[in-house]
C-alpha atoms as a PDB file:
ATOM      1  CA  UNK A   1      14.363  50.861  16.700  1.00  0.00           C
ATOM      2  CA  UNK A   2      11.763  48.275  15.790  1.00  0.00           C
ATOM      3  CA  UNK A   3      13.116  44.976  14.541  1.00  0.00           C
ATOM      4  CA  UNK A   4      11.019  42.514  12.677  1.00  0.00           C
ATOM      5  CA  UNK A   5      12.022  38.935  13.260  1.00  0.00           C
ATOM      6  CA  UNK A   6      10.843  36.358  10.776  1.00  0.00           C
ATOM      7  CA  UNK A   7      12.076  32.894  10.413  1.00  0.00           C
ATOM      8  CA  UNK A   8      11.731  31.014   7.174  1.00  0.00           C
ATOM      9  CA  UNK A   9      12.302  27.355   7.636  1.00  0.00           C
ATOM     10  CA  UNK A  10      12.089  25.138   4.685  1.00  0.00           C
ATOM     11  CA  UNK A  11      11.133  21.630   5.564  1.00  0.00           C
ATOM     12  CA  UNK A  12      13.173  19.143   3.637  1.00  0.00           C
ATOM     13  CA  UNK A  13      12.169  15.527   3.638  1.00  0.00           C
ATOM     14  CA  UNK A  14      14.700  12.870   4.487  1.00  0.00           C
ATOM     15  CA  UNK A  15      14.270   9.565   2.676  1.00  0.00           C
ATOM     16  CA  UNK A  16      15.844   6.236   3.470  1.00  0.00           C
ATOM     17  CA  UNK A  17      15.321   2.777   2.092  1.00  0.00           C
ATOM     18  CA  UNK A  18      16.275  -0.826   2.602  1.00  0.00           C
ATOM     19  CA  UNK A  19      15.767  -4.112   0.756  1.00  0.00           C
ATOM     20  CA  UNK A  20      14.347  -7.276   2.280  1.00  0.00           C
ATOM     21  CA  UNK A  21      13.687 -10.719   0.915  1.00  0.00           C
ATOM     22  CA  UNK A  22      10.161 -12.101   0.779  1.00  0.00           C
ATOM     23  CA  UNK A  23       8.402 -15.136  -0.662  1.00  0.00           C
ATOM     24  CA  UNK A  24       7.333 -12.771  -3.498  1.00  0.00           C
ATOM     25  CA  UNK A  25      10.783 -11.519  -4.350  1.00  0.00           C
ATOM     26  CA  UNK A  26      12.826  -8.596  -3.002  1.00  0.00           C
ATOM     27  CA  UNK A  27      10.857  -5.725  -1.407  1.00  0.00           C
ATOM     28  CA  UNK A  28      12.102  -2.184  -1.224  1.00  0.00           C
ATOM     29  CA  UNK A  29      10.958  -0.320   1.898  1.00  0.00           C
ATOM     30  CA  UNK A  30      11.088   3.461   1.819  1.00  0.00           C
ATOM     31  CA  UNK A  31      10.711   5.837   4.758  1.00  0.00           C
ATOM     32  CA  UNK A  32      10.117   9.580   4.586  1.00  0.00           C
ATOM     33  CA  UNK A  33      11.197  11.451   7.740  1.00  0.00           C
ATOM     34  CA  UNK A  34      11.367   8.082   9.555  1.00  0.00           C
ATOM     35  CA  UNK A  35       7.839   6.916   8.608  1.00  0.00           C
ATOM     36  CA  UNK A  36       7.083   4.101   6.173  1.00  0.00           C
ATOM     37  CA  UNK A  37       6.046   5.713   2.857  1.00  0.00           C
ATOM     38  CA  UNK A  38       6.719   2.953   0.315  1.00  0.00           C
ATOM     39  CA  UNK A  39       6.833  -0.778  -0.165  1.00  0.00           C
ATOM     40  CA  UNK A  40       7.688  -1.732  -3.718  1.00  0.00           C
ATOM     41  CA  UNK A  41       8.214  -5.021  -5.513  1.00  0.00           C
ATOM     42  CA  UNK A  42      10.714  -5.529  -8.304  1.00  0.00           C
ATOM     43  CA  UNK A  43       9.339  -4.627 -11.718  1.00  0.00           C
ATOM     44  CA  UNK A  44       6.321  -3.005 -10.118  1.00  0.00           C
ATOM     45  CA  UNK A  45       4.178  -0.704 -12.204  1.00  0.00           C
ATOM     46  CA  UNK A  46       4.278   2.903 -10.857  1.00  0.00           C
ATOM     47  CA  UNK A  47       7.477   2.166  -8.931  1.00  0.00           C
ATOM     48  CA  UNK A  48       9.301   5.488  -8.369  1.00  0.00           C
ATOM     49  CA  UNK A  49      12.901   5.801  -9.655  1.00  0.00           C
ATOM     50  CA  UNK A  50      15.533   4.316  -7.343  1.00  0.00           C
ATOM     51  CA  UNK A  51      17.263   7.643  -6.909  1.00  0.00           C
ATOM     52  CA  UNK A  52      14.187   8.984  -5.060  1.00  0.00           C
ATOM     53  CA  UNK A  53      14.491   6.344  -2.318  1.00  0.00           C
ATOM     54  CA  UNK A  54      17.267   8.098  -0.426  1.00  0.00           C
ATOM     55  CA  UNK A  55      20.171   6.531   1.408  1.00  0.00           C
ATOM     56  CA  UNK A  56      20.213   2.838   2.135  1.00  0.00           C
ATOM     57  CA  UNK A  57      19.760   2.415   5.881  1.00  0.00           C
ATOM     58  CA  UNK A  58      17.721  -0.269   7.668  1.00  0.00           C
ATOM     59  CA  UNK A  59      17.411   1.965  10.774  1.00  0.00           C
ATOM     60  CA  UNK A  60      13.784   3.102  10.529  1.00  0.00           C
ATOM     61  CA  UNK A  61      12.389  -0.242   9.385  1.00  0.00           C
ATOM     62  CA  UNK A  62      12.772  -2.568  12.366  1.00  0.00           C
ATOM     63  CA  UNK A  63       9.060  -2.823  13.248  1.00  0.00           C
ATOM     64  CA  UNK A  64       7.982  -2.953   9.582  1.00  0.00           C
ATOM     65  CA  UNK A  65      10.405  -5.829   8.898  1.00  0.00           C
ATOM     66  CA  UNK A  66       9.266  -7.649  12.036  1.00  0.00           C
ATOM     67  CA  UNK A  67       5.570  -7.355  11.058  1.00  0.00           C
ATOM     68  CA  UNK A  68       6.250  -8.364   7.440  1.00  0.00           C
ATOM     69  CA  UNK A  69       8.170 -11.451   8.626  1.00  0.00           C
ATOM     70  CA  UNK A  70       5.271 -12.410  10.914  1.00  0.00           C
ATOM     71  CA  UNK A  71       2.803 -11.863   8.031  1.00  0.00           C
ATOM     72  CA  UNK A  72       4.809 -14.030   5.629  1.00  0.00           C
ATOM     73  CA  UNK A  73       5.095 -16.718   8.365  1.00  0.00           C
ATOM     74  CA  UNK A  74       1.286 -16.759   8.640  1.00  0.00           C
ATOM     75  CA  UNK A  75       1.364 -15.354  12.177  1.00  0.00           C
ATOM     76  CA  UNK A  76       0.027 -11.836  11.471  1.00  0.00           C
ATOM     77  CA  UNK A  77      -3.172 -10.920   9.680  1.00  0.00           C
ATOM     78  CA  UNK A  78      -3.382  -7.183  10.425  1.00  0.00           C
ATOM     79  CA  UNK A  79      -0.557  -4.650  10.256  1.00  0.00           C
ATOM     80  CA  UNK A  80      -0.233  -1.932  12.888  1.00  0.00           C
ATOM     81  CA  UNK A  81       2.335   0.518  11.563  1.00  0.00           C
ATOM     82  CA  UNK A  82       2.541   4.298  11.219  1.00  0.00           C
ATOM     83  CA  UNK A  83       2.461   5.101   7.505  1.00  0.00           C
ATOM     84  CA  UNK A  84       2.769   8.160   5.334  1.00  0.00           C
ATOM     85  CA  UNK A  85       0.510   7.738   2.288  1.00  0.00           C
ATOM     86  CA  UNK A  86       1.314  10.537  -0.133  1.00  0.00           C
ATOM     87  CA  UNK A  87      -1.252  11.013  -2.871  1.00  0.00           C
ATOM     88  CA  UNK A  88      -4.308  12.973  -3.844  1.00  0.00           C
ATOM     89  CA  UNK A  89      -7.171  13.232  -1.329  1.00  0.00           C
ATOM     90  CA  UNK A  90      -9.173  10.726  -3.409  1.00  0.00           C
ATOM     91  CA  UNK A  91      -6.253   8.265  -3.574  1.00  0.00           C
ATOM     92  CA  UNK A  92      -5.738   8.483   0.194  1.00  0.00           C
ATOM     93  CA  UNK A  93      -9.443   7.793   0.735  1.00  0.00           C
ATOM     94  CA  UNK A  94      -9.227   4.705  -1.472  1.00  0.00           C
ATOM     95  CA  UNK A  95      -6.075   3.536   0.322  1.00  0.00           C
ATOM     96  CA  UNK A  96      -7.795   3.970   3.709  1.00  0.00           C
ATOM     97  CA  UNK A  97     -10.697   1.863   2.437  1.00  0.00           C
ATOM     98  CA  UNK A  98      -8.294  -0.868   1.308  1.00  0.00           C
ATOM     99  CA  UNK A  99      -7.096  -1.193   4.904  1.00  0.00           C
ATOM    100  CA  UNK A 100     -10.636  -2.146   5.927  1.00  0.00           C
ATOM    101  CA  UNK A 101     -10.644  -5.288   3.775  1.00  0.00           C
ATOM    102  CA  UNK A 102     -10.069  -8.164   6.190  1.00  0.00           C
ATOM    103  CA  UNK A 103      -7.294 -10.689   5.742  1.00  0.00           C
ATOM    104  CA  UNK A 104      -8.496 -13.575   3.613  1.00  0.00           C
ATOM    105  CA  UNK A 105     -11.252 -11.615   1.909  1.00  0.00           C
ATOM    106  CA  UNK A 106     -11.582  -9.682  -1.320  1.00  0.00           C
ATOM    107  CA  UNK A 107     -13.671  -6.777  -2.581  1.00  0.00           C
ATOM    108  CA  UNK A 108     -14.463  -5.615  -6.072  1.00  0.00           C
ATOM    109  CA  UNK A 109     -13.669  -2.175  -7.446  1.00  0.00           C
ATOM    110  CA  UNK A 110     -17.410  -1.543  -7.477  1.00  0.00           C
ATOM    111  CA  UNK A 111     -17.749  -2.439  -3.820  1.00  0.00           C
ATOM    112  CA  UNK A 112     -14.966  -0.010  -2.938  1.00  0.00           C
ATOM    113  CA  UNK A 113     -16.628   2.717  -5.005  1.00  0.00           C
ATOM    114  CA  UNK A 114     -19.949   2.029  -3.217  1.00  0.00           C
ATOM    115  CA  UNK A 115     -18.253   2.154   0.173  1.00  0.00           C
ATOM    116  CA  UNK A 116     -16.837   5.559  -0.747  1.00  0.00           C
ATOM    117  CA  UNK A 117     -20.313   6.768  -1.680  1.00  0.00           C
ATOM    118  CA  UNK A 118     -19.274   7.065  -5.348  1.00  0.00           C
ATOM    119  CA  UNK A 119     -20.952   4.104  -7.071  1.00  0.00           C
ATOM    120  CA  UNK A 120     -19.899   5.262 -10.546  1.00  0.00           C
ATOM    121  CA  UNK A 121     -16.192   5.611  -9.631  1.00  0.00           C
ATOM    122  CA  UNK A 122     -15.052   1.999 -10.116  1.00  0.00           C
ATOM    123  CA  UNK A 123     -12.515   3.014 -12.752  1.00  0.00           C
ATOM    124  CA  UNK A 124     -11.119   5.852 -10.601  1.00  0.00           C
ATOM    125  CA  UNK A 125     -10.928   3.463  -7.660  1.00  0.00           C
ATOM    126  CA  UNK A 126      -8.970   1.048  -9.840  1.00  0.00           C
ATOM    127  CA  UNK A 127      -6.491   3.752 -10.907  1.00  0.00           C
ATOM    128  CA  UNK A 128      -5.977   4.841  -7.243  1.00  0.00           C
ATOM    129  CA  UNK A 129      -5.589   1.207  -6.191  1.00  0.00           C
ATOM    130  CA  UNK A 130      -2.872   0.750  -8.811  1.00  0.00           C
ATOM    131  CA  UNK A 131      -0.897   3.695  -7.433  1.00  0.00           C
ATOM    132  CA  UNK A 132      -0.896   2.439  -3.830  1.00  0.00           C
ATOM    133  CA  UNK A 133       2.609   3.245  -2.562  1.00  0.00           C
ATOM    134  CA  UNK A 134       2.664   0.657   0.240  1.00  0.00           C
ATOM    135  CA  UNK A 135       1.858  -2.716  -1.285  1.00  0.00           C
ATOM    136  CA  UNK A 136       1.022  -5.783   0.847  1.00  0.00           C
ATOM    137  CA  UNK A 137       0.577  -3.708   4.031  1.00  0.00           C
ATOM    138  CA  UNK A 138      -2.103  -1.595   2.341  1.00  0.00           C
ATOM    139  CA  UNK A 139      -3.714  -4.642   0.742  1.00  0.00           C
ATOM    140  CA  UNK A 140      -4.451  -3.602  -2.826  1.00  0.00           C
ATOM    141  CA  UNK A 141      -4.026  -7.269  -3.811  1.00  0.00           C
ATOM    142  CA  UNK A 142      -7.387  -7.962  -2.146  1.00  0.00           C
ATOM    143  CA  UNK A 143      -9.271  -6.027  -4.831  1.00  0.00           C
ATOM    144  CA  UNK A 144     -10.649  -8.058  -7.742  1.00  0.00           C
ATOM    145  CA  UNK A 145     -12.765  -7.406 -10.798  1.00  0.00           C
ATOM    146  CA  UNK A 146     -16.500  -7.937 -11.004  1.00  0.00           C
ATOM    147  CA  UNK A 147     -17.311 -11.622 -11.115  1.00  0.00           C
ATOM    148  CA  UNK A 148     -14.133 -12.542  -9.251  1.00  0.00           C
ATOM    149  CA  UNK A 149     -11.639 -11.948 -12.080  1.00  0.00           C
ATOM    150  CA  UNK A 150      -8.057 -11.187 -11.162  1.00  0.00           C
ATOM    151  CA  UNK A 151      -7.569  -7.838 -12.797  1.00  0.00           C
ATOM    152  CA  UNK A 152      -4.462  -5.697 -12.874  1.00  0.00           C
ATOM    153  CA  UNK A 153      -1.985  -5.623 -10.028  1.00  0.00           C
ATOM    154  CA  UNK A 154       1.068  -3.387  -9.917  1.00  0.00           C
ATOM    155  CA  UNK A 155       3.225  -6.266  -8.668  1.00  0.00           C
ATOM    156  CA  UNK A 156       1.967  -8.609 -11.446  1.00  0.00           C
ATOM    157  CA  UNK A 157      -0.969 -10.995 -11.600  1.00  0.00           C
ATOM    158  CA  UNK A 158       1.134 -13.972 -10.559  1.00  0.00           C
ATOM    159  CA  UNK A 159       2.067 -12.232  -7.290  1.00  0.00           C
ATOM    160  CA  UNK A 160      -1.540 -11.162  -6.721  1.00  0.00           C
ATOM    161  CA  UNK A 161      -2.771 -14.724  -7.195  1.00  0.00           C
ATOM    162  CA  UNK A 162      -0.079 -16.070  -4.880  1.00  0.00           C
ATOM    163  CA  UNK A 163      -0.817 -13.470  -2.168  1.00  0.00           C
ATOM    164  CA  UNK A 164      -4.553 -14.228  -2.310  1.00  0.00           C
ATOM    165  CA  UNK A 165      -3.931 -17.974  -2.178  1.00  0.00           C
ATOM    166  CA  UNK A 166      -1.532 -17.445   0.765  1.00  0.00           C
ATOM    167  CA  UNK A 167      -4.270 -15.574   2.643  1.00  0.00           C
ATOM    168  CA  UNK A 168      -6.906 -18.144   1.670  1.00  0.00           C
ATOM    169  CA  UNK A 169      -8.918 -15.284   0.173  1.00  0.00           C
ATOM    170  CA  UNK A 170     -12.429 -15.939  -0.992  1.00  0.00           C
ATOM    171  CA  UNK A 171     -14.403 -13.483  -3.085  1.00  0.00           C
ATOM    172  CA  UNK A 172     -17.216 -11.665  -1.317  1.00  0.00           C
ATOM    173  CA  UNK A 173     -20.654 -11.155  -2.714  1.00  0.00           C
ATOM    174  CA  UNK A 174     -21.616  -7.795  -4.169  1.00  0.00           C
ATOM    175  CA  UNK A 175     -23.578  -7.067  -0.979  1.00  0.00           C
ATOM    176  CA  UNK A 176     -20.637  -7.461   1.426  1.00  0.00           C
ATOM    177  CA  UNK A 177     -20.197  -4.687   3.904  1.00  0.00           C
ATOM    178  CA  UNK A 178     -16.876  -3.333   5.161  1.00  0.00           C
END
């Protein structure tokens, strides 16, 4: 008798979240299968519904909280955390590029599009930037409009301005390299 053995395992994701205080209001941290997958501000545009955040449990967030506290204290300028950035391939490419913008500096949407080799994609870069699921740590607040204007920010322009001032950010010229 010949038996065929097949195993069908469905991978289910396990989500957890916690809330922490920050100088910019409460932050919701979300982990998927133990890896940071979201950092959301209150009243943030494109914030997923609360019921998708999973159980409230601070367990997987110790290092994230520690690094955020150091950042807000002015002691950390670059995060080193495992992250799960769920999005389209283009969005993930934009979010990777955001992580190359140094603390205290800004880039324009056009500069990001150029760095991606897609000089006509400023608008698409802006849309991807706005859907960044891990604010602050993936520094979408460091992206500004042409000419240095503070354009849209999912967490609100007031928070964007305050984060940039906190970092001492200065706009870069159009020729700045990553």
